[in-house]
Amino acid sequence: MRRIYDYECSNGHVVERFAELSDRDLPCKLCGEVSTRLVSYAGPVLDPVSGDFPSATRRWALNRQQKIKAERKTAESHGLAD
């Protein structure tokens, strides 16, 4: 399976490459020297308020807004509006 990895050569060039998992060393795209795959930081981001992932928080908020809207529409159709 091919994925994107960061590679760095002895001249300090860091380049992203689309490579196989087994490709540890590849020629540098910029200078041709041998470049070695770097260990990349995954960098998950958590929401500072909830401690949850931002996409999960946004999805919850959207679902909540839709539920409230549906409840209000139902209440209005039954003559129970605020």
C-alpha atoms as a PDB file:
ATOM      1  CA  MET A   1       0.000   0.000   0.000  1.00  0.00           C
ATOM      2  CA  ARG A   2       1.406   3.357  -1.014  1.00  0.00           C
ATOM      3  CA  ARG A   3       1.306   6.286   1.411  1.00  0.00           C
ATOM      4  CA  ILE A   4       2.839   9.727   1.767  1.00  0.00           C
ATOM      5  CA  TYR A   5       6.049   9.802   3.812  1.00  0.00           C
ATOM      6  CA  ASP A   6       8.621  12.493   4.600  1.00  0.00           C
ATOM      7  CA  TYR A   7      12.184  11.816   3.473  1.00  0.00           C
ATOM      8  CA  GLU A   8      15.348  13.750   4.360  1.00  0.00           C
ATOM      9  CA  CYS A   9      18.700  13.610   2.567  1.00  0.00           C
ATOM     10  CA  SER A  10      22.198  14.385   3.900  1.00  0.00           C
ATOM     11  CA  ASN A  11      21.947  17.886   2.364  1.00  0.00           C
ATOM     12  CA  GLY A  12      18.961  18.687   4.612  1.00  0.00           C
ATOM     13  CA  HIS A  13      16.234  18.559   1.964  1.00  0.00           C
ATOM     14  CA  VAL A  14      12.943  17.288   3.411  1.00  0.00           C
ATOM     15  CA  VAL A  15      10.499  16.117   0.762  1.00  0.00           C
ATOM     16  CA  GLU A  16       7.173  14.297   0.851  1.00  0.00           C
ATOM     17  CA  ARG A  17       7.092  11.166  -1.283  1.00  0.00           C
ATOM     18  CA  PHE A  18       4.329   8.773  -2.263  1.00  0.00           C
ATOM     19  CA  ALA A  19       6.019   5.433  -1.470  1.00  0.00           C
ATOM     20  CA  GLU A  20       5.553   1.859  -0.348  1.00  0.00           C
ATOM     21  CA  LEU A  21       5.927   0.939   3.331  1.00  0.00           C
ATOM     22  CA  SER A  22       9.097  -1.006   2.498  1.00  0.00           C
ATOM     23  CA  ASP A  23      10.800   2.031   0.843  1.00  0.00           C
ATOM     24  CA  ARG A  24      13.152   3.179   3.644  1.00  0.00           C
ATOM     25  CA  ASP A  25      15.716   4.962   1.449  1.00  0.00           C
ATOM     26  CA  LEU A  26      14.995   6.735  -1.834  1.00  0.00           C
ATOM     27  CA  PRO A  27      16.938   9.203  -4.000  1.00  0.00           C
ATOM     28  CA  CYS A  28      16.267  12.851  -3.102  1.00  0.00           C
ATOM     29  CA  LYS A  29      14.076  14.614  -5.669  1.00  0.00           C
ATOM     30  CA  LEU A  30      16.155  17.785  -5.373  1.00  0.00           C
ATOM     31  CA  CYS A  31      19.776  16.635  -5.354  1.00  0.00           C
ATOM     32  CA  GLY A  32      19.823  12.886  -6.011  1.00  0.00           C
ATOM     33  CA  GLU A  33      21.465  11.968  -2.672  1.00  0.00           C
ATOM     34  CA  VAL A  34      20.066   9.082  -0.638  1.00  0.00           C
ATOM     35  CA  SER A  35      17.145  10.246   1.501  1.00  0.00           C
ATOM     36  CA  THR A  36      15.864   8.359   4.516  1.00  0.00           C
ATOM     37  CA  ARG A  37      12.247   8.155   5.629  1.00  0.00           C
ATOM     38  CA  LEU A  38      11.455  10.225   8.716  1.00  0.00           C
ATOM     39  CA  VAL A  39       9.140   9.299  11.538  1.00  0.00           C
ATOM     40  CA  SER A  40       6.260  11.745  11.174  1.00  0.00           C
ATOM     41  CA  TYR A  41       4.184  13.166  13.998  1.00  0.00           C
ATOM     42  CA  ALA A  42       0.547  12.165  13.625  1.00  0.00           C
ATOM     43  CA  GLY A  43      -0.642  15.341  15.341  1.00  0.00           C
ATOM     44  CA  PRO A  44      -4.176  14.643  16.480  1.00  0.00           C
ATOM     45  CA  VAL A  45      -5.882  17.855  17.540  1.00  0.00           C
ATOM     46  CA  LEU A  46      -8.286  17.934  20.450  1.00  0.00           C
ATOM     47  CA  ASP A  47     -10.846  20.605  21.207  1.00  0.00           C
ATOM     48  CA  PRO A  48      -9.613  22.561  24.264  1.00  0.00           C
ATOM     49  CA  VAL A  49     -13.111  22.824  25.780  1.00  0.00           C
ATOM     50  CA  SER A  50     -14.541  19.342  25.383  1.00  0.00           C
ATOM     51  CA  GLY A  51     -11.308  17.365  25.005  1.00  0.00           C
ATOM     52  CA  ASP A  52     -12.887  15.706  21.987  1.00  0.00           C
ATOM     53  CA  PHE A  53     -11.853  15.806  18.361  1.00  0.00           C
ATOM     54  CA  PRO A  54     -13.094  19.053  16.690  1.00  0.00           C
ATOM     55  CA  SER A  55     -14.893  17.163  13.927  1.00  0.00           C
ATOM     56  CA  ALA A  56     -16.826  15.134  16.512  1.00  0.00           C
ATOM     57  CA  THR A  57     -17.770  18.299  18.398  1.00  0.00           C
ATOM     58  CA  ARG A  58     -18.960  19.992  15.180  1.00  0.00           C
ATOM     59  CA  ARG A  59     -20.923  16.894  14.188  1.00  0.00           C
ATOM     60  CA  TRP A  60     -22.601  16.772  17.629  1.00  0.00           C
ATOM     61  CA  ALA A  61     -23.491  20.495  17.418  1.00  0.00           C
ATOM     62  CA  LEU A  62     -24.948  20.080  13.926  1.00  0.00           C
ATOM     63  CA  ASN A  63     -27.002  17.047  14.960  1.00  0.00           C
ATOM     64  CA  ARG A  64     -28.211  18.923  18.047  1.00  0.00           C
ATOM     65  CA  GLN A  65     -29.302  21.932  15.949  1.00  0.00           C
ATOM     66  CA  GLN A  66     -31.169  19.659  13.545  1.00  0.00           C
ATOM     67  CA  LYS A  67     -32.910  17.875  16.422  1.00  0.00           C
ATOM     68  CA  ILE A  68     -33.993  21.166  18.028  1.00  0.00           C
ATOM     69  CA  LYS A  69     -35.276  22.433  14.668  1.00  0.00           C
ATOM     70  CA  ALA A  70     -37.287  19.215  14.149  1.00  0.00           C
ATOM     71  CA  GLU A  71     -38.698  19.399  17.691  1.00  0.00           C
ATOM     72  CA  ARG A  72     -39.786  23.028  17.176  1.00  0.00           C
ATOM     73  CA  LYS A  73     -41.399  22.175  13.837  1.00  0.00           C
ATOM     74  CA  THR A  74     -43.313  19.306  15.474  1.00  0.00           C
ATOM     75  CA  ALA A  75     -44.404  21.542  18.353  1.00  0.00           C
ATOM     76  CA  GLU A  76     -45.610  24.251  15.923  1.00  0.00           C
ATOM     77  CA  SER A  77     -47.598  21.720  13.909  1.00  0.00           C
ATOM     78  CA  HIS A  78     -49.346  20.638  17.117  1.00  0.00           C
ATOM     79  CA  GLY A  79     -50.014  24.213  18.262  1.00  0.00           C
ATOM     80  CA  LEU A  80     -47.518  23.977  21.123  1.00  0.00           C
ATOM     81  CA  ALA A  81     -45.046  26.677  20.019  1.00  0.00           C
ATOM     82  CA  ASP A  82     -43.270  28.753  22.694  1.00  0.00           C
END
